[in-house]
Amino acid sequence: MRAVKERMNLYITKSIMDDLRHAIPARERTRFVEEVLARELRRRKLRAALAASAGAWKDEDHPELATFEDVNRWLEESRKGFTRDFSKEWGNNG
């Protein structure tokens, strides 16, 4: 199913518009601007989520992860079950 599109008029500086015209062919500009906006909006949402979750982790709640060695041990243990064979994706069947 195709996404519903809405028209939007923007005012941007002439120098940016000149750069856009020079760098992006006319029929690709809408997609380019949409991709750039989507990427920036996602970045801002992630930044807001990080800011909102700041302080959620408390060292006293995780005494088993007090040292770098503890963290490395936990990482090694948690990764043991997550092996994946990429030979099919990479074309190596040997």
C-alpha atoms as a PDB file:
ATOM      1  CA  MET A   1       0.000   0.000   0.000  1.00  0.00           C
ATOM      2  CA  ARG A   2       1.354   3.418  -0.913  1.00  0.00           C
ATOM      3  CA  ALA A   3       1.840   6.038   1.753  1.00  0.00           C
ATOM      4  CA  VAL A   4      -0.563   8.951   1.749  1.00  0.00           C
ATOM      5  CA  LYS A   5       1.231  12.085   0.579  1.00  0.00           C
ATOM      6  CA  GLU A   6       0.578  15.674   1.602  1.00  0.00           C
ATOM      7  CA  ARG A   7       1.726  18.818  -0.126  1.00  0.00           C
ATOM      8  CA  MET A   8       3.886  21.227   1.823  1.00  0.00           C
ATOM      9  CA  ASN A   9       5.376  24.577   0.848  1.00  0.00           C
ATOM     10  CA  LEU A  10       8.681  25.572   2.399  1.00  0.00           C
ATOM     11  CA  TYR A  11      10.767  28.698   2.336  1.00  0.00           C
ATOM     12  CA  ILE A  12      14.487  27.970   2.386  1.00  0.00           C
ATOM     13  CA  THR A  13      17.486  30.162   1.753  1.00  0.00           C
ATOM     14  CA  LYS A  14      18.475  30.713  -1.862  1.00  0.00           C
ATOM     15  CA  SER A  15      21.943  29.260  -1.333  1.00  0.00           C
ATOM     16  CA  ILE A  16      20.511  25.982  -0.033  1.00  0.00           C
ATOM     17  CA  MET A  17      18.020  25.851  -2.897  1.00  0.00           C
ATOM     18  CA  ASP A  18      20.820  26.484  -5.386  1.00  0.00           C
ATOM     19  CA  ASP A  19      22.848  23.655  -3.855  1.00  0.00           C
ATOM     20  CA  LEU A  20      19.809  21.360  -3.962  1.00  0.00           C
ATOM     21  CA  ARG A  21      19.143  22.167  -7.611  1.00  0.00           C
ATOM     22  CA  HIS A  22      22.783  21.597  -8.460  1.00  0.00           C
ATOM     23  CA  ALA A  23      23.178  18.326  -6.532  1.00  0.00           C
ATOM     24  CA  ILE A  24      19.806  16.593  -6.923  1.00  0.00           C
ATOM     25  CA  PRO A  25      17.920  16.101 -10.204  1.00  0.00           C
ATOM     26  CA  ALA A  26      14.474  17.733 -10.293  1.00  0.00           C
ATOM     27  CA  ARG A  27      12.490  14.496 -10.183  1.00  0.00           C
ATOM     28  CA  GLU A  28      14.430  13.222  -7.165  1.00  0.00           C
ATOM     29  CA  ARG A  29      14.224  16.270  -4.897  1.00  0.00           C
ATOM     30  CA  THR A  30      11.013  15.374  -3.094  1.00  0.00           C
ATOM     31  CA  ARG A  31      12.330  11.937  -2.197  1.00  0.00           C
ATOM     32  CA  PHE A  32      15.681  13.411  -1.154  1.00  0.00           C
ATOM     33  CA  VAL A  33      14.096  16.026   1.118  1.00  0.00           C
ATOM     34  CA  GLU A  34      11.732  13.412   2.584  1.00  0.00           C
ATOM     35  CA  GLU A  35      14.647  11.060   3.352  1.00  0.00           C
ATOM     36  CA  VAL A  36      16.677  13.827   4.979  1.00  0.00           C
ATOM     37  CA  LEU A  37      13.698  14.937   7.073  1.00  0.00           C
ATOM     38  CA  ALA A  38      12.912  11.365   8.118  1.00  0.00           C
ATOM     39  CA  ARG A  39      16.530  10.770   9.160  1.00  0.00           C
ATOM     40  CA  GLU A  40      16.680  13.998  11.185  1.00  0.00           C
ATOM     41  CA  LEU A  41      13.310  13.381  12.832  1.00  0.00           C
ATOM     42  CA  ARG A  42      14.396   9.861  13.794  1.00  0.00           C
ATOM     43  CA  ARG A  43      17.640  11.249  15.239  1.00  0.00           C
ATOM     44  CA  ARG A  44      15.705  13.784  17.296  1.00  0.00           C
ATOM     45  CA  LYS A  45      13.272  11.122  18.565  1.00  0.00           C
ATOM     46  CA  LEU A  46      16.178   8.914  19.623  1.00  0.00           C
ATOM     47  CA  ARG A  47      17.876  11.828  21.348  1.00  0.00           C
ATOM     48  CA  ALA A  48      14.633  12.637  23.211  1.00  0.00           C
ATOM     49  CA  ALA A  49      14.261   8.985  24.247  1.00  0.00           C
ATOM     50  CA  LEU A  50      17.818   8.941  25.556  1.00  0.00           C
ATOM     51  CA  ALA A  51      17.216  12.146  27.498  1.00  0.00           C
ATOM     52  CA  ALA A  52      13.972  10.765  28.932  1.00  0.00           C
ATOM     53  CA  SER A  53      15.657   7.537  30.051  1.00  0.00           C
ATOM     54  CA  ALA A  54      18.640   9.243  31.666  1.00  0.00           C
ATOM     55  CA  GLY A  55      19.020   7.994  35.205  1.00  0.00           C
ATOM     56  CA  ALA A  56      16.991   4.820  34.629  1.00  0.00           C
ATOM     57  CA  TRP A  57      20.074   2.682  35.292  1.00  0.00           C
ATOM     58  CA  LYS A  58      21.281   2.717  38.864  1.00  0.00           C
ATOM     59  CA  ASP A  59      24.535   0.999  39.790  1.00  0.00           C
ATOM     60  CA  GLU A  60      23.141  -0.125  43.132  1.00  0.00           C
ATOM     61  CA  ASP A  61      20.441  -2.114  41.278  1.00  0.00           C
ATOM     62  CA  HIS A  62      23.146  -4.128  39.465  1.00  0.00           C
ATOM     63  CA  PRO A  63      25.941  -5.063  41.858  1.00  0.00           C
ATOM     64  CA  GLU A  64      26.811  -8.033  39.618  1.00  0.00           C
ATOM     65  CA  LEU A  65      28.066  -5.531  37.014  1.00  0.00           C
ATOM     66  CA  ALA A  66      30.301  -3.453  39.258  1.00  0.00           C
ATOM     67  CA  THR A  67      33.552  -3.855  37.308  1.00  0.00           C
ATOM     68  CA  PHE A  68      34.599  -3.938  33.656  1.00  0.00           C
ATOM     69  CA  GLU A  69      35.392  -7.618  34.111  1.00  0.00           C
ATOM     70  CA  ASP A  70      31.832  -8.233  35.353  1.00  0.00           C
ATOM     71  CA  VAL A  71      30.394  -6.449  32.336  1.00  0.00           C
ATOM     72  CA  ASN A  72      32.641  -8.320  29.909  1.00  0.00           C
ATOM     73  CA  ARG A  73      31.699 -11.637  31.522  1.00  0.00           C
ATOM     74  CA  TRP A  74      27.998 -10.764  31.230  1.00  0.00           C
ATOM     75  CA  LEU A  75      28.448  -9.789  27.558  1.00  0.00           C
ATOM     76  CA  GLU A  76      30.254 -13.029  26.751  1.00  0.00           C
ATOM     77  CA  GLU A  77      27.563 -15.096  28.459  1.00  0.00           C
ATOM     78  CA  SER A  78      24.693 -13.245  26.782  1.00  0.00           C
ATOM     79  CA  ARG A  79      26.290 -13.548  23.337  1.00  0.00           C
ATOM     80  CA  LYS A  80      26.912 -17.301  23.485  1.00  0.00           C
ATOM     81  CA  GLY A  81      23.500 -18.191  22.069  1.00  0.00           C
ATOM     82  CA  PHE A  82      23.591 -15.608  19.302  1.00  0.00           C
ATOM     83  CA  THR A  83      25.705 -17.130  16.568  1.00  0.00           C
ATOM     84  CA  ARG A  84      24.574 -16.844  12.968  1.00  0.00           C
ATOM     85  CA  ASP A  85      25.775 -18.555   9.817  1.00  0.00           C
ATOM     86  CA  PHE A  86      26.076 -15.946   7.050  1.00  0.00           C
ATOM     87  CA  SER A  87      27.260 -18.384   4.374  1.00  0.00           C
ATOM     88  CA  LYS A  88      23.917 -18.371   2.540  1.00  0.00           C
ATOM     89  CA  GLU A  89      23.704 -14.575   2.475  1.00  0.00           C
ATOM     90  CA  TRP A  90      27.343 -14.237   1.402  1.00  0.00           C
ATOM     91  CA  GLY A  91      27.242 -17.051  -1.138  1.00  0.00           C
ATOM     92  CA  ASN A  92      29.715 -19.319   0.673  1.00  0.00           C
ATOM     93  CA  ASN A  93      28.172 -22.726   0.953  1.00  0.00           C
ATOM     94  CA  GLY A  94      31.424 -24.401   1.933  1.00  0.00           C
END
